[in-house]
Structures are given as C-alpha cells and as structure tokens.
Amino acid sequence: MVKNVSGLLEADPRRRSAGRGAWLHPDQACFALAVKRHGFARAFKGECDPGALERYFAAELRTVQPESGSEN
C-alpha cells in the first residue's frame, strides 16, 4: 500500500495509515512502471514525489505481508 502524505509518497506495508492509498506490488519493477506511466499521479489525482518510496524499494530488507489471513 502506498499513501500520499502532502505530495510525498510513503510506503504503508502494514496498511494502517489513514487516508487514501494505492496498491502496488512490493517489486521495484512494478514501482518503475508506475512511475513511468504516471500511475501515482492518476491514483492520487495530482502530482506526487516518489523519492521516499524509491528509497523504500531500494532497501534490501523488506518483508511482504499477506493481504489476508488466508495465505498463512
């Protein structure tokens, strides 16, 4: 889950932050495609700075939570 906080995109892997969010696979290739296709600007209806989110995806130690309890 990605959240737009004052024009800056932030990762919300626990899906706990309030406000509008957009789903994104936890994969750098999906992130790059979303940036290339201006997907964040469409999802959040305005310009967004993906800098913080880019640093998030560049970090090696990220874990993916299942989207529901059924995957456990």
Protein backbone atom coordinates (compact mmCIF):
# COMPACT_ATOMS: atom_id res chain seq x y z
CA MET A 1 0.00 0.00 0.00
CA VAL A 2 1.23 3.48 -0.87
CA LYS A 3 -0.01 6.66 0.80
CA ASN A 4 0.25 10.26 -0.37
CA VAL A 5 1.29 12.49 2.53
CA SER A 6 1.47 16.14 1.48
CA GLY A 7 2.58 15.26 -2.04
CA LEU A 8 5.23 12.76 -0.90
CA LEU A 9 4.63 9.08 -1.43
CA GLU A 10 5.21 6.77 1.51
CA ALA A 11 5.07 3.01 1.79
CA ASP A 12 2.46 1.68 4.21
CA PRO A 13 3.21 -2.07 4.30
CA ARG A 14 1.08 -2.61 7.42
CA ARG A 15 -1.86 -0.80 5.78
CA ARG A 16 -2.58 1.21 8.94
CA SER A 17 -2.20 4.86 7.90
CA ALA A 18 -5.33 6.91 7.49
CA GLY A 19 -6.31 8.39 4.15
CA ARG A 20 -6.38 7.42 0.53
CA GLY A 21 -3.98 4.73 -0.62
CA ALA A 22 -2.99 2.92 -3.80
CA TRP A 23 -1.98 -0.72 -4.18
CA LEU A 24 1.44 -1.53 -5.56
CA HIS A 25 3.27 -4.84 -5.75
CA PRO A 26 6.34 -4.89 -3.50
CA ASP A 27 8.61 -5.13 -6.52
CA GLN A 28 10.98 -2.50 -7.89
CA ALA A 29 9.93 -3.32 -11.47
CA CYS A 30 6.28 -2.53 -10.66
CA PHE A 31 7.36 0.70 -8.98
CA ALA A 32 9.40 1.74 -12.02
CA LEU A 33 6.47 1.01 -14.32
CA ALA A 34 4.07 3.02 -12.13
CA VAL A 35 6.45 6.00 -12.22
CA LYS A 36 6.91 5.69 -15.99
CA ARG A 37 3.16 5.54 -16.63
CA HIS A 38 2.34 8.33 -14.13
CA GLY A 39 0.22 5.86 -12.14
CA PHE A 40 0.70 7.66 -8.83
CA ALA A 41 -0.46 10.99 -10.23
CA ARG A 42 -3.60 9.29 -11.54
CA ALA A 43 -4.25 7.34 -8.34
CA PHE A 44 -3.85 10.37 -6.10
CA LYS A 45 -5.31 12.90 -8.56
CA GLY A 46 -2.28 15.19 -8.54
CA GLU A 47 1.49 15.35 -8.76
CA CYS A 48 3.42 13.19 -6.32
CA ASP A 49 7.09 12.94 -5.42
CA PRO A 50 8.12 9.26 -5.42
CA GLY A 51 11.55 9.94 -3.83
CA ALA A 52 10.82 8.41 -0.40
CA LEU A 53 9.09 5.45 -1.99
CA GLU A 54 12.05 4.94 -4.33
CA ARG A 55 14.37 4.75 -1.32
CA TYR A 56 11.99 2.26 0.29
CA PHE A 57 12.16 -0.05 -2.72
CA ALA A 58 15.93 0.34 -2.96
CA ALA A 59 16.35 -1.09 0.56
CA GLU A 60 17.12 -4.80 0.55
CA LEU A 61 15.48 -5.90 3.77
CA ARG A 62 11.77 -5.64 3.10
CA THR A 63 9.20 -8.25 4.01
CA VAL A 64 5.86 -8.71 2.33
CA GLN A 65 2.76 -9.19 4.46
CA PRO A 66 -0.02 -11.34 3.08
CA GLU A 67 -3.06 -9.34 2.04
CA SER A 68 -5.37 -11.50 4.14
CA GLY A 69 -5.08 -14.24 6.69
CA SER A 70 -5.83 -16.93 4.12
CA GLU A 71 -2.23 -17.16 2.86
CA ASN A 72 -0.85 -18.32 6.22
